[in-house]
Structures are given as structure tokens and as C-alpha cells.
Amino acid sequence: MAKIMAMHSIPYSATASISHPYDYMNKLQKAAKIDGPVFIDLLCSCEPGWLVDTDRMVEVAKKMVDSGMWPLYEIENKKVTINLEPQMIPVEEALKLQGRYKHLKKEEIEEIQKIINQEWALIKQGKFWETEEY
């Protein structure tokens, strides 16, 4: 959503996560000073929807960021800033904590990993707006 919003020329668009509260607060402060519409897409674990134990919700959000599945970035006047380079832990570590993904087979998890790796390869090349066929 943040990319789509930026592509529609809003001055400030960003992603954030409950696992990185200082990053989120900084983005809120920046957004408050922007003249015009802003958008921040916040990753927040959902206990009933994600089938996550309440005491693990922040851990799950952190693993989503650390795996590269939820990148933390901001786009200001179409200039992209990556706020945190993910550790690129295996996506399986993020998925296995969420009951909503228990049905995934090993091959499907490997495909998700492949997609995440390809996305980050493009981002590192400065091709944030491009996608490849999987």
C-alpha cells in the first residue's frame, strides 16, 4: 500500500512495525510536519486473525521485519529510504509462529523465500519500483 500511495504522488508514505517503536514514532513525527496527505502502513500482529499468542505478537512482527517480509522504508516525494536492512532470517521462522500459515508445505515456504530474496535483490539494486516475474 505504501508504494501505491507514493506512486499516486502523496508527499510522504512509509511502512512501520510494532516491533520497532522508535522507527514508528520518528515516522509519525516526520509525517506530522508534512504539508499534504501522508500514509503510514503499520504492521501489527492480529491475535485472532494470525492465530498468534498475545505474548508473542511483538516477536512475530519483529520476525516479519527480520526476514524481509515486511520492509521498513519511507518514501518522501518519491525518494525511497530504507530504514532498516533486514537480517534476512529464513521466512519460515516468521511463518511458523503464525497459525494462519500452518497449512503451507515446504515447497510453498521455499517459494515465498525465493520471492522475498528476489524483492530484496531489486531493492538493493535501487529498483524499488520494479518487480520480476516469479
C-alpha atoms as a PDB file:
ATOM      1  CA  MET A   1       0.000   0.000   0.000  1.00  0.00           C
ATOM      2  CA  ALA A   2       2.802   2.425   0.825  1.00  0.00           C
ATOM      3  CA  LYS A   3       4.285   2.023  -2.672  1.00  0.00           C
ATOM      4  CA  ILE A   4       0.875   2.540  -4.266  1.00  0.00           C
ATOM      5  CA  MET A   5       0.281   5.673  -2.230  1.00  0.00           C
ATOM      6  CA  ALA A   6       3.686   7.074  -3.222  1.00  0.00           C
ATOM      7  CA  MET A   7       3.026   6.285  -6.874  1.00  0.00           C
ATOM      8  CA  HIS A   8      -0.079   8.464  -6.569  1.00  0.00           C
ATOM      9  CA  SER A   9       2.136  11.380  -5.581  1.00  0.00           C
ATOM     10  CA  ILE A  10       1.309  11.802  -1.921  1.00  0.00           C
ATOM     11  CA  PRO A  11       4.269  13.598  -0.325  1.00  0.00           C
ATOM     12  CA  TYR A  12       5.019  11.040   2.399  1.00  0.00           C
ATOM     13  CA  SER A  13       4.391   7.318   2.610  1.00  0.00           C
ATOM     14  CA  ALA A  14       6.036   4.783   4.913  1.00  0.00           C
ATOM     15  CA  THR A  15       5.900   1.353   6.493  1.00  0.00           C
ATOM     16  CA  ALA A  16       6.333   0.701  10.199  1.00  0.00           C
ATOM     17  CA  SER A  17       6.014  -2.146  12.678  1.00  0.00           C
ATOM     18  CA  ILE A  18       5.041  -2.508  16.321  1.00  0.00           C
ATOM     19  CA  SER A  19       8.363  -4.322  16.753  1.00  0.00           C
ATOM     20  CA  HIS A  20      10.296  -1.115  16.056  1.00  0.00           C
ATOM     21  CA  PRO A  21       8.509   1.588  18.058  1.00  0.00           C
ATOM     22  CA  TYR A  22      11.210   4.287  17.732  1.00  0.00           C
ATOM     23  CA  ASP A  23      11.181   3.957  13.957  1.00  0.00           C
ATOM     24  CA  TYR A  24       7.382   4.305  14.034  1.00  0.00           C
ATOM     25  CA  MET A  25       7.497   7.343  16.333  1.00  0.00           C
ATOM     26  CA  ASN A  26      10.088   9.031  14.109  1.00  0.00           C
ATOM     27  CA  LYS A  27       7.883   8.472  11.091  1.00  0.00           C
ATOM     28  CA  LEU A  28       4.844   9.852  12.901  1.00  0.00           C
ATOM     29  CA  GLN A  29       6.789  12.982  13.837  1.00  0.00           C
ATOM     30  CA  LYS A  30       8.004  13.415  10.272  1.00  0.00           C
ATOM     31  CA  ALA A  31       4.517  12.824   8.850  1.00  0.00           C
ATOM     32  CA  ALA A  32       3.022  15.427  11.191  1.00  0.00           C
ATOM     33  CA  LYS A  33       5.241  18.111   9.611  1.00  0.00           C
ATOM     34  CA  ILE A  34       4.340  17.255   6.012  1.00  0.00           C
ATOM     35  CA  ASP A  35       2.075  19.636   4.149  1.00  0.00           C
ATOM     36  CA  GLY A  36      -0.451  17.399   2.444  1.00  0.00           C
ATOM     37  CA  PRO A  37      -1.638  13.812   2.756  1.00  0.00           C
ATOM     38  CA  VAL A  38       0.533  11.169   4.386  1.00  0.00           C
ATOM     39  CA  PHE A  39       0.268   7.397   4.733  1.00  0.00           C
ATOM     40  CA  ILE A  40       1.938   5.006   7.180  1.00  0.00           C
ATOM     41  CA  ASP A  41       1.248   1.286   6.853  1.00  0.00           C
ATOM     42  CA  LEU A  42       1.729  -0.244  10.319  1.00  0.00           C
ATOM     43  CA  LEU A  43       2.342  -3.976  10.734  1.00  0.00           C
ATOM     44  CA  CYS A  44       0.532  -5.070  13.870  1.00  0.00           C
ATOM     45  CA  SER A  45       0.098  -8.742  14.669  1.00  0.00           C
ATOM     46  CA  CYS A  46      -3.523  -9.829  14.988  1.00  0.00           C
ATOM     47  CA  GLU A  47      -4.119 -12.454  17.643  1.00  0.00           C
ATOM     48  CA  PRO A  48      -7.336 -13.960  16.239  1.00  0.00           C
ATOM     49  CA  GLY A  49      -6.566 -13.442  12.547  1.00  0.00           C
ATOM     50  CA  TRP A  50      -2.950 -14.554  12.585  1.00  0.00           C
ATOM     51  CA  LEU A  51      -3.545 -17.200  15.256  1.00  0.00           C
ATOM     52  CA  VAL A  52      -0.742 -15.793  17.405  1.00  0.00           C
ATOM     53  CA  ASP A  53      -0.457 -15.936  21.188  1.00  0.00           C
ATOM     54  CA  THR A  54      -0.815 -12.470  22.718  1.00  0.00           C
ATOM     55  CA  ASP A  55       2.569 -12.666  24.431  1.00  0.00           C
ATOM     56  CA  ARG A  56       4.301 -13.356  21.079  1.00  0.00           C
ATOM     57  CA  MET A  57       2.735 -10.621  18.954  1.00  0.00           C
ATOM     58  CA  VAL A  58       5.761  -8.278  19.013  1.00  0.00           C
ATOM     59  CA  GLU A  59       8.123 -11.210  18.409  1.00  0.00           C
ATOM     60  CA  VAL A  60       6.112 -12.216  15.333  1.00  0.00           C
ATOM     61  CA  ALA A  61       6.182  -8.658  13.970  1.00  0.00           C
ATOM     62  CA  LYS A  62       9.951  -8.491  14.539  1.00  0.00           C
ATOM     63  CA  LYS A  63      10.493 -11.748  12.673  1.00  0.00           C
ATOM     64  CA  MET A  64       8.411 -10.417   9.773  1.00  0.00           C
ATOM     65  CA  VAL A  65      10.800  -7.448   9.583  1.00  0.00           C
ATOM     66  CA  ASP A  66      13.964  -9.519  10.186  1.00  0.00           C
ATOM     67  CA  SER A  67      13.008 -11.948   7.407  1.00  0.00           C
ATOM     68  CA  GLY A  68      12.488  -9.157   4.879  1.00  0.00           C
ATOM     69  CA  MET A  69       8.785  -9.933   4.547  1.00  0.00           C
ATOM     70  CA  TRP A  70       7.874  -6.510   5.966  1.00  0.00           C
ATOM     71  CA  PRO A  71      10.452  -3.945   4.866  1.00  0.00           C
ATOM     72  CA  LEU A  72      10.776  -0.729   6.844  1.00  0.00           C
ATOM     73  CA  TYR A  73      11.069   2.228   4.495  1.00  0.00           C
ATOM     74  CA  GLU A  74       9.761   5.691   3.792  1.00  0.00           C
ATOM     75  CA  ILE A  75       9.076   7.441   0.515  1.00  0.00           C
ATOM     76  CA  GLU A  76       9.243  11.205   0.559  1.00  0.00           C
ATOM     77  CA  ASN A  77       8.360  12.863  -2.752  1.00  0.00           C
ATOM     78  CA  LYS A  78       9.138   9.532  -4.462  1.00  0.00           C
ATOM     79  CA  LYS A  79      12.620   9.319  -2.860  1.00  0.00           C
ATOM     80  CA  VAL A  80      12.974   5.968  -1.115  1.00  0.00           C
ATOM     81  CA  THR A  81      14.851   5.499   2.156  1.00  0.00           C
ATOM     82  CA  ILE A  82      15.273   2.004   3.558  1.00  0.00           C
ATOM     83  CA  ASN A  83      15.183   2.496   7.326  1.00  0.00           C
ATOM     84  CA  LEU A  84      16.413  -0.940   8.339  1.00  0.00           C
ATOM     85  CA  GLU A  85      18.339  -3.553   6.409  1.00  0.00           C
ATOM     86  CA  PRO A  86      16.738  -6.873   7.410  1.00  0.00           C
ATOM     87  CA  GLN A  87      18.816  -9.697   8.851  1.00  0.00           C
ATOM     88  CA  MET A  88      17.230 -11.973   6.235  1.00  0.00           C
ATOM     89  CA  ILE A  89      16.449 -14.778   8.657  1.00  0.00           C
ATOM     90  CA  PRO A  90      14.579 -17.620   6.931  1.00  0.00           C
ATOM     91  CA  VAL A  91      10.940 -16.683   6.288  1.00  0.00           C
ATOM     92  CA  GLU A  92       9.987 -19.983   7.880  1.00  0.00           C
ATOM     93  CA  GLU A  93      10.946 -18.507  11.265  1.00  0.00           C
ATOM     94  CA  ALA A  94       8.313 -15.789  10.821  1.00  0.00           C
ATOM     95  CA  LEU A  95       5.683 -18.070   9.327  1.00  0.00           C
ATOM     96  CA  LYS A  96       5.902 -20.899  11.869  1.00  0.00           C
ATOM     97  CA  LEU A  97       4.821 -18.580  14.702  1.00  0.00           C
ATOM     98  CA  GLN A  98       1.559 -17.811  12.898  1.00  0.00           C
ATOM     99  CA  GLY A  99      -1.181 -20.408  12.931  1.00  0.00           C
ATOM    100  CA  ARG A 100      -2.607 -18.987   9.704  1.00  0.00           C
ATOM    101  CA  TYR A 101       0.363 -20.478   7.813  1.00  0.00           C
ATOM    102  CA  LYS A 102       0.359 -23.977   9.312  1.00  0.00           C
ATOM    103  CA  HIS A 103      -1.092 -25.357   6.076  1.00  0.00           C
ATOM    104  CA  LEU A 104       1.896 -24.315   3.972  1.00  0.00           C
ATOM    105  CA  LYS A 105       4.035 -27.076   2.547  1.00  0.00           C
ATOM    106  CA  LYS A 106       7.834 -26.938   2.495  1.00  0.00           C
ATOM    107  CA  GLU A 107       7.805 -26.149  -1.247  1.00  0.00           C
ATOM    108  CA  GLU A 108       5.431 -23.236  -0.719  1.00  0.00           C
ATOM    109  CA  ILE A 109       7.621 -21.791   2.027  1.00  0.00           C
ATOM    110  CA  GLU A 110      10.639 -22.158  -0.261  1.00  0.00           C
ATOM    111  CA  GLU A 111       8.745 -20.246  -2.985  1.00  0.00           C
ATOM    112  CA  ILE A 112       7.901 -17.453  -0.534  1.00  0.00           C
ATOM    113  CA  GLN A 113      11.597 -17.297   0.430  1.00  0.00           C
ATOM    114  CA  LYS A 114      12.557 -17.067  -3.230  1.00  0.00           C
ATOM    115  CA  ILE A 115      10.140 -14.172  -3.797  1.00  0.00           C
ATOM    116  CA  ILE A 116      11.426 -12.279  -0.739  1.00  0.00           C
ATOM    117  CA  ASN A 117      15.044 -12.790  -1.858  1.00  0.00           C
ATOM    118  CA  GLN A 118      14.224 -11.522  -5.366  1.00  0.00           C
ATOM    119  CA  GLU A 119      12.414  -8.465  -4.000  1.00  0.00           C
ATOM    120  CA  TRP A 120      15.369  -7.549  -1.790  1.00  0.00           C
ATOM    121  CA  ALA A 121      17.837  -8.083  -4.646  1.00  0.00           C
ATOM    122  CA  LEU A 122      15.871  -5.491  -6.636  1.00  0.00           C
ATOM    123  CA  ILE A 123      15.682  -3.108  -3.684  1.00  0.00           C
ATOM    124  CA  LYS A 124      19.460  -3.321  -3.158  1.00  0.00           C
ATOM    125  CA  GLN A 125      19.962  -2.507  -6.854  1.00  0.00           C
ATOM    126  CA  GLY A 126      17.887   0.625  -6.374  1.00  0.00           C
ATOM    127  CA  LYS A 127      14.989  -0.860  -8.323  1.00  0.00           C
ATOM    128  CA  PHE A 128      12.422  -0.323  -5.618  1.00  0.00           C
ATOM    129  CA  TRP A 129       9.555   0.223  -8.056  1.00  0.00           C
ATOM    130  CA  GLU A 130      10.249  -2.798 -10.242  1.00  0.00           C
ATOM    131  CA  THR A 131       9.093  -6.346  -9.855  1.00  0.00           C
ATOM    132  CA  GLU A 132      10.074  -9.540 -11.614  1.00  0.00           C
ATOM    133  CA  GLU A 133       8.003 -12.468 -12.699  1.00  0.00           C
ATOM    134  CA  TYR A 134       8.321 -15.288 -10.212  1.00  0.00           C
END
